[in-house]
Amino acid sequence: MEIEDAILSLMKLLSEISIDQPYLGTSISVDSSESTPIYYEEEIGKCSPFSDFGYLDSSSRIINVKGANIYIASLYANDSGRHVLIPLDASFPFLAIKANGTVIQKVKSTMSVVRTENVNGVAYTPDYKDDNILDELRISLENYAINNSNSDVMIVDGPIFPGPYIQMVGEPYKSAFEKLTLERKTDKIVGIVKRLNFTRKLSREEEISKKYPDLVKSGVTDDVLVFEMGKGKDPYVTPIYKEEIEIGGKKFVRFMSYVKVRDSVFRVESKDKELLCRGVETALLNSSIRGIPTFIEVADKISRKLSASTFLLSFVYAKSLIGVNYDDWNRYKEATQDLGD
């Protein structure tokens, strides 16, 4: 069988099965007992899109220099026409490092833009998770841009309460993410969450679980479930759902609605239902050929170019002064491609 025939046959097979079985992933048992419940709030009403708003996204990368991990973060924000580019125009910390004690002491005494510990003063020790350091860096940059924004509303690429699901995170990460989240001004922001292929919030809503029992039992993800809910409709917008969460001893309410445009599904969320409605309308008005809002794609692309250029600069200096390893050459190729896109 030729390669093309094999791939075509596989896709046809999956397409046929998906007619009666929309979720093709392996069935998993999802324990939602420790997850916050999702409640139906109301149908989404009519409202006007934002006439003026800001938007942002962040990006991060890692380079290893003689055993020392250097973490790089970047951010692009359009603050109602004012462009914020980190690290190009800010002295705010955009780097972090995990290395031996000698290196850490030298860095701490001479470089204010390099973090060596989390927001609670916990050192980035060898066993501190790399992904969490990158998350913390990105969130801190986003908080800086949000808290200093002049826009009436800021639309962020991601959830309004950033980071992982805090209830499932252990220390020292939980308290770090809690502090970063509580530092963020969330009253005037709208979040757009694009990656829904690992989230299962909708399955925790009572009426949805009754209407799609087999799908919910199979562990269906939010993106597949919304495609099923909006079958035959384009665009399709779900009702407003509510989630009550607790972060660092403080209680918050998050309102959310899911949007299907062409081949894309994303979640829009806010603490305010009116902002949520207007955020949905703004996203629909600015949808790209893929269905994702164009301004989110712009922020994503620029932030990735910023982190790519910073990585390449780090790579060039590291290569000439110290040396680089095999993985960094692969990351160099990826960064070069991102910069050229």
Protein backbone atom coordinates (compact mmCIF):
# COMPACT_ATOMS: atom_id res chain seq x y z
CA MET A 1 0.00 0.00 0.00
CA GLU A 2 1.34 3.44 -0.96
CA ILE A 3 1.85 6.04 1.77
CA GLU A 4 -0.91 8.27 0.40
CA ASP A 5 -3.34 5.34 0.19
CA ALA A 6 -2.57 4.25 3.75
CA ILE A 7 -3.14 7.72 5.19
CA LEU A 8 -6.28 8.29 3.13
CA SER A 9 -7.69 4.91 4.18
CA LEU A 10 -7.02 5.64 7.85
CA MET A 11 -8.70 9.06 7.69
CA LYS A 12 -11.71 7.62 5.86
CA LEU A 13 -12.01 4.90 8.49
CA LEU A 14 -11.90 7.43 11.33
CA SER A 15 -14.41 9.63 9.53
CA GLU A 16 -16.87 6.75 9.17
CA ILE A 17 -16.55 5.75 12.83
CA SER A 18 -16.97 9.35 14.03
CA ILE A 19 -20.46 9.53 12.53
CA ASP A 20 -21.82 7.33 15.33
CA GLN A 21 -18.97 7.79 17.79
CA PRO A 22 -17.85 11.47 17.84
CA TYR A 23 -15.09 10.99 20.41
CA LEU A 24 -12.38 8.66 19.12
CA GLY A 25 -10.03 8.83 22.09
CA THR A 26 -9.49 5.98 24.50
CA SER A 27 -12.21 5.77 27.13
CA ILE A 28 -10.98 7.00 30.47
CA SER A 29 -12.57 7.17 33.88
CA VAL A 30 -12.70 10.84 34.86
CA ASP A 31 -12.94 11.48 38.61
CA SER A 32 -14.63 14.86 38.93
CA SER A 33 -15.24 14.60 42.67
CA GLU A 34 -12.37 17.00 43.40
CA SER A 35 -13.19 19.30 40.48
CA THR A 36 -15.37 22.38 40.80
CA PRO A 37 -18.88 21.85 39.38
CA ILE A 38 -20.09 23.74 36.32
CA TYR A 39 -23.57 25.29 36.41
CA TYR A 40 -25.88 26.49 33.66
CA GLU A 41 -26.35 30.23 34.16
CA GLU A 42 -28.46 31.56 31.27
CA GLU A 43 -28.67 31.82 27.51
CA ILE A 44 -26.26 34.34 26.09
CA GLY A 45 -28.05 37.52 25.08
CA LYS A 46 -27.57 40.22 22.48
CA CYS A 47 -24.81 42.76 22.98
CA SER A 48 -22.35 44.92 21.08
CA PRO A 49 -18.71 44.02 20.45
CA PHE A 50 -15.99 46.09 22.06
CA SER A 51 -15.22 49.27 20.13
CA ASP A 52 -11.85 49.58 21.84
CA PHE A 53 -9.86 46.91 23.63
CA GLY A 54 -6.38 45.64 24.30
CA TYR A 55 -5.05 42.13 23.75
CA LEU A 56 -1.94 40.17 24.65
CA ASP A 57 -0.12 36.86 24.55
CA SER A 58 3.14 35.51 25.92
CA SER A 59 5.68 32.90 24.87
CA SER A 60 8.62 31.07 26.46
CA ARG A 61 11.64 28.91 25.61
CA ILE A 62 14.56 27.23 27.33
CA ILE A 63 18.28 26.91 26.55
CA ASN A 64 20.84 24.79 28.41
CA VAL A 65 24.33 26.19 28.89
CA LYS A 66 26.87 23.78 30.42
CA GLY A 67 24.18 22.29 32.65
CA ALA A 68 22.54 25.58 33.60
CA ASN A 69 18.96 25.95 32.39
CA ILE A 70 18.09 29.45 31.19
CA TYR A 71 14.38 30.23 30.81
CA ILE A 72 13.27 32.94 28.38
CA ALA A 73 9.86 34.62 28.30
CA SER A 74 8.39 37.26 26.02
CA LEU A 75 5.14 39.18 25.70
CA TYR A 76 3.31 41.24 23.13
CA ALA A 77 0.41 43.47 24.11
CA ASN A 78 -1.59 45.95 22.09
CA ASP A 79 -2.80 48.29 24.80
CA SER A 80 -5.50 50.06 22.76
CA GLY A 81 -2.92 51.12 20.19
CA ARG A 82 0.13 51.29 22.48
CA HIS A 83 2.49 48.42 21.69
CA VAL A 84 4.15 46.66 24.61
CA LEU A 85 7.01 44.34 23.66
CA ILE A 86 8.90 42.44 26.32
CA PRO A 87 11.86 42.07 26.48
CA LEU A 88 12.46 44.85 23.94
CA ASP A 89 11.12 47.77 25.95
CA ALA A 90 11.00 46.70 29.60
CA SER A 91 13.39 46.12 32.47
CA PHE A 92 10.91 43.70 34.06
CA PRO A 93 12.43 40.22 34.71
CA PHE A 94 12.02 38.11 31.58
CA LEU A 95 14.70 35.50 32.32
CA ALA A 96 15.13 32.80 34.95
CA ILE A 97 17.98 30.43 35.66
CA LYS A 98 18.45 27.10 37.42
CA ALA A 99 22.11 26.44 38.17
CA ASN A 100 24.63 25.71 40.93
CA GLY A 101 25.07 27.90 43.99
CA THR A 102 28.03 29.87 42.64
CA VAL A 103 26.12 30.87 39.53
CA ILE A 104 22.98 31.78 41.49
CA GLN A 105 24.86 34.05 43.90
CA LYS A 106 26.60 35.86 41.05
CA VAL A 107 23.34 36.30 39.13
CA LYS A 108 21.39 37.51 42.18
CA SER A 109 24.00 40.15 42.98
CA THR A 110 24.38 41.54 39.46
CA MET A 111 21.28 40.93 37.30
CA SER A 112 17.81 42.14 38.30
CA VAL A 113 16.11 40.86 35.13
CA VAL A 114 16.96 37.21 35.92
CA ARG A 115 14.84 35.28 38.41
CA THR A 116 16.44 32.61 40.56
CA GLU A 117 13.40 31.85 42.71
CA ASN A 118 9.62 31.94 42.53
CA VAL A 119 7.38 34.77 43.77
CA ASN A 120 7.40 33.30 47.29
CA GLY A 121 11.19 33.21 47.49
CA VAL A 122 11.48 29.45 46.89
CA ALA A 123 14.71 28.77 45.00
CA TYR A 124 14.70 27.15 41.59
CA THR A 125 16.41 23.97 42.77
CA PRO A 126 17.36 21.07 40.46
CA ASP A 127 14.04 19.31 41.10
CA TYR A 128 11.90 22.43 40.46
CA LYS A 129 9.83 21.63 37.37
CA ASP A 130 10.97 23.37 34.19
CA ASP A 131 7.44 23.76 32.83
CA ASN A 132 6.33 25.52 36.00
CA ILE A 133 9.23 27.96 35.83
CA LEU A 134 8.24 28.83 32.26
CA ASP A 135 4.58 29.19 33.32
CA GLU A 136 5.53 31.45 36.22
CA LEU A 137 7.66 33.66 33.96
CA ARG A 138 4.90 34.05 31.38
CA ILE A 139 2.22 34.76 33.98
CA SER A 140 4.37 37.40 35.67
CA LEU A 141 4.85 39.19 32.33
CA GLU A 142 1.12 39.01 31.60
CA ASN A 143 0.31 40.39 35.06
CA TYR A 144 2.72 43.26 34.48
CA ALA A 145 1.01 44.17 31.19
CA ILE A 146 -2.54 43.72 32.53
CA ASN A 147 -1.99 45.64 35.75
CA ASN A 148 -0.38 48.55 33.89
CA SER A 149 -2.85 48.61 31.00
CA ASN A 150 -4.75 51.75 29.99
CA SER A 151 -7.40 49.79 28.07
CA ASP A 152 -11.00 49.60 29.27
CA VAL A 153 -10.81 45.86 28.71
CA MET A 154 -7.89 43.54 27.99
CA ILE A 155 -8.39 40.26 26.12
CA VAL A 156 -5.82 37.63 27.05
CA ASP A 157 -4.85 34.51 25.16
CA GLY A 158 -5.68 31.99 27.87
CA PRO A 159 -7.84 31.78 31.00
CA ILE A 160 -8.49 34.81 33.19
CA PHE A 161 -7.14 32.87 36.18
CA PRO A 162 -3.81 31.62 34.81
CA GLY A 163 -1.78 28.52 35.48
CA PRO A 164 -2.78 24.88 36.02
CA TYR A 165 -5.80 23.64 37.94
CA ILE A 166 -4.56 24.77 41.35
CA GLN A 167 -6.45 22.16 43.39
CA MET A 168 -4.42 19.43 41.67
CA VAL A 169 -1.00 21.08 42.10
CA GLY A 170 1.37 20.36 44.97
CA GLU A 171 3.78 22.67 46.74
CA PRO A 172 5.77 24.80 46.19
CA TYR A 173 3.95 25.34 42.91
CA LYS A 174 0.43 25.76 44.30
CA SER A 175 1.21 28.74 46.51
CA ALA A 176 3.29 30.33 43.72
CA PHE A 177 0.44 30.11 41.22
CA GLU A 178 -2.03 31.32 43.85
CA LYS A 179 0.05 34.42 44.52
CA LEU A 180 0.52 35.14 40.81
CA THR A 181 -3.20 34.74 40.20
CA LEU A 182 -4.18 37.00 43.10
CA GLU A 183 -1.74 39.66 41.86
CA ARG A 184 -3.63 39.89 38.56
CA LYS A 185 -6.35 42.54 38.13
CA THR A 186 -9.16 40.41 36.72
CA ASP A 187 -12.15 42.78 36.79
CA LYS A 188 -11.59 44.13 33.27
CA ILE A 189 -10.21 41.14 31.38
CA VAL A 190 -11.68 38.57 29.03
CA GLY A 191 -9.93 35.27 28.38
CA ILE A 192 -9.96 33.25 25.17
CA VAL A 193 -8.86 29.64 25.66
CA LYS A 194 -7.94 27.87 22.41
CA ARG A 195 -6.61 24.52 23.62
CA LEU A 196 -9.61 22.49 24.70
CA ASN A 197 -8.48 19.00 23.72
CA PHE A 198 -7.46 18.23 27.32
CA THR A 199 -10.23 20.02 29.24
CA ARG A 200 -13.48 18.45 30.38
CA LYS A 201 -15.36 21.26 32.09
CA LEU A 202 -18.62 20.84 30.17
CA SER A 203 -18.92 17.21 31.22
CA ARG A 204 -19.37 18.44 34.79
CA GLU A 205 -22.58 20.33 33.92
CA GLU A 206 -25.66 18.33 34.95
CA GLU A 207 -27.89 18.80 31.89
CA ILE A 208 -25.05 18.15 29.46
CA SER A 209 -24.10 14.95 31.25
CA LYS A 210 -27.74 13.82 30.97
CA LYS A 211 -28.05 14.70 27.28
CA TYR A 212 -24.74 13.12 26.24
CA PRO A 213 -24.26 10.31 28.79
CA ASP A 214 -22.19 8.01 26.58
CA LEU A 215 -19.87 10.79 25.47
CA VAL A 216 -19.38 12.04 29.01
CA LYS A 217 -18.69 8.52 30.29
CA SER A 218 -16.07 8.06 27.57
CA GLY A 219 -14.11 11.04 28.86
CA VAL A 220 -14.96 13.34 25.95
CA THR A 221 -13.00 16.58 25.79
CA ASP A 222 -14.63 20.00 25.54
CA ASP A 223 -13.74 20.59 21.89
CA VAL A 224 -15.37 17.37 20.69
CA LEU A 225 -18.41 17.92 22.92
CA VAL A 226 -18.99 21.44 21.56
CA PHE A 227 -18.75 20.17 17.98
CA GLU A 228 -21.45 17.66 18.86
CA MET A 229 -23.62 20.26 20.63
CA GLY A 230 -23.34 22.63 17.68
CA LYS A 231 -23.68 20.06 14.92
CA GLY A 232 -25.09 21.72 11.78
CA LYS A 233 -24.63 25.25 13.15
CA ASP A 234 -21.86 27.66 12.20
CA PRO A 235 -21.13 29.70 14.16
CA TYR A 236 -22.45 28.12 17.32
CA VAL A 237 -22.36 29.68 20.79
CA THR A 238 -23.25 27.76 23.95
CA PRO A 239 -25.22 29.22 26.85
CA ILE A 240 -23.34 30.91 29.67
CA TYR A 241 -21.99 28.55 32.32
CA LYS A 242 -20.73 29.41 35.78
CA GLU A 243 -17.85 28.03 37.81
CA GLU A 244 -17.19 28.93 41.44
CA ILE A 245 -13.55 28.59 42.40
CA GLU A 246 -11.35 29.28 45.41
CA ILE A 247 -7.81 30.60 45.07
CA GLY A 248 -5.64 31.26 48.09
CA GLY A 249 -8.65 31.32 50.42
CA LYS A 250 -10.57 33.79 48.23
CA LYS A 251 -13.68 32.85 46.26
CA PHE A 252 -14.32 33.88 42.66
CA VAL A 253 -16.95 33.26 40.00
CA ARG A 254 -15.97 32.67 36.39
CA PHE A 255 -18.56 32.88 33.61
CA MET A 256 -17.84 31.12 30.34
CA SER A 257 -19.28 30.35 26.95
CA TYR A 258 -17.95 28.11 24.18
CA VAL A 259 -17.79 29.22 20.56
CA LYS A 260 -17.55 27.06 17.43
CA VAL A 261 -16.46 28.81 14.24
CA ARG A 262 -15.68 26.61 11.24
CA ASP A 263 -13.03 24.08 12.38
CA SER A 264 -12.21 25.79 15.67
CA VAL A 265 -13.68 25.74 19.15
CA PHE A 266 -12.60 28.11 21.89
CA ARG A 267 -13.84 29.18 25.31
CA VAL A 268 -14.51 32.79 26.24
CA GLU A 269 -14.52 33.64 29.93
CA SER A 270 -14.82 36.61 32.27
CA LYS A 271 -15.87 37.49 35.82
CA ASP A 272 -18.57 39.73 34.33
CA LYS A 273 -21.42 38.41 32.16
CA GLU A 274 -21.67 41.62 30.13
CA LEU A 275 -17.95 41.54 29.37
CA LEU A 276 -18.31 37.88 28.47
CA CYS A 277 -21.12 38.58 25.99
CA ARG A 278 -19.21 41.44 24.38
CA GLY A 279 -16.08 39.30 24.29
CA VAL A 280 -17.95 36.60 22.37
CA GLU A 281 -19.28 39.16 19.88
CA THR A 282 -15.81 40.65 19.45
CA ALA A 283 -14.32 37.22 18.84
CA LEU A 284 -16.99 36.37 16.25
CA LEU A 285 -16.56 39.71 14.49
CA ASN A 286 -12.81 39.18 14.19
CA SER A 287 -12.68 35.46 13.40
CA SER A 288 -9.92 34.37 11.02
CA ILE A 289 -10.09 31.74 8.29
CA ARG A 290 -9.34 29.15 11.01
CA GLY A 291 -12.08 30.54 13.23
CA ILE A 292 -9.75 31.90 15.92
CA PRO A 293 -9.95 35.69 16.53
CA THR A 294 -7.39 37.47 14.34
CA PHE A 295 -6.10 39.63 17.20
CA ILE A 296 -5.28 36.52 19.22
CA GLU A 297 -3.39 35.08 16.25
CA VAL A 298 -1.48 38.37 15.90
CA ALA A 299 -0.50 38.46 19.58
CA ASP A 300 0.51 34.80 19.48
CA LYS A 301 2.69 35.29 16.40
CA ILE A 302 4.46 38.40 17.66
CA SER A 303 5.10 36.98 21.14
CA ARG A 304 6.59 33.83 19.58
CA LYS A 305 8.82 35.94 17.34
CA LEU A 306 10.00 37.89 20.37
CA SER A 307 10.91 34.74 22.31
CA ALA A 308 12.50 33.26 19.17
CA SER A 309 14.71 36.30 18.63
CA THR A 310 15.73 36.32 22.30
CA PHE A 311 16.54 32.61 22.13
CA LEU A 312 18.61 33.07 18.97
CA LEU A 313 20.56 35.90 20.58
CA SER A 314 21.18 33.69 23.63
CA PHE A 315 22.22 30.80 21.38
CA VAL A 316 24.71 32.90 19.40
CA TYR A 317 26.40 34.25 22.53
CA ALA A 318 26.38 30.86 24.25
CA LYS A 319 27.87 29.15 21.20
CA SER A 320 30.72 31.66 20.89
CA LEU A 321 31.49 32.02 24.61
CA ILE A 322 30.67 28.69 26.27
CA GLY A 323 29.21 26.09 23.91
CA VAL A 324 25.80 24.59 23.19
CA ASN A 325 24.42 21.06 23.13
CA TYR A 326 22.52 18.90 20.65
CA ASP A 327 19.05 19.79 21.96
CA ASP A 328 19.83 23.49 21.72
CA TRP A 329 20.69 23.08 18.04
CA ASN A 330 17.22 21.58 17.53
CA ARG A 331 15.67 24.47 19.46
CA TYR A 332 17.73 26.84 17.32
CA LYS A 333 16.14 25.41 14.18
CA GLU A 334 12.66 25.75 15.69
CA ALA A 335 13.30 29.35 16.76
CA THR A 336 14.68 30.22 13.32
CA GLN A 337 11.53 28.83 11.72
CA ASP A 338 9.27 30.75 14.13
CA LEU A 339 11.14 33.97 13.41
CA GLY A 340 10.75 33.47 9.67
CA ASP A 341 7.03 32.61 9.67
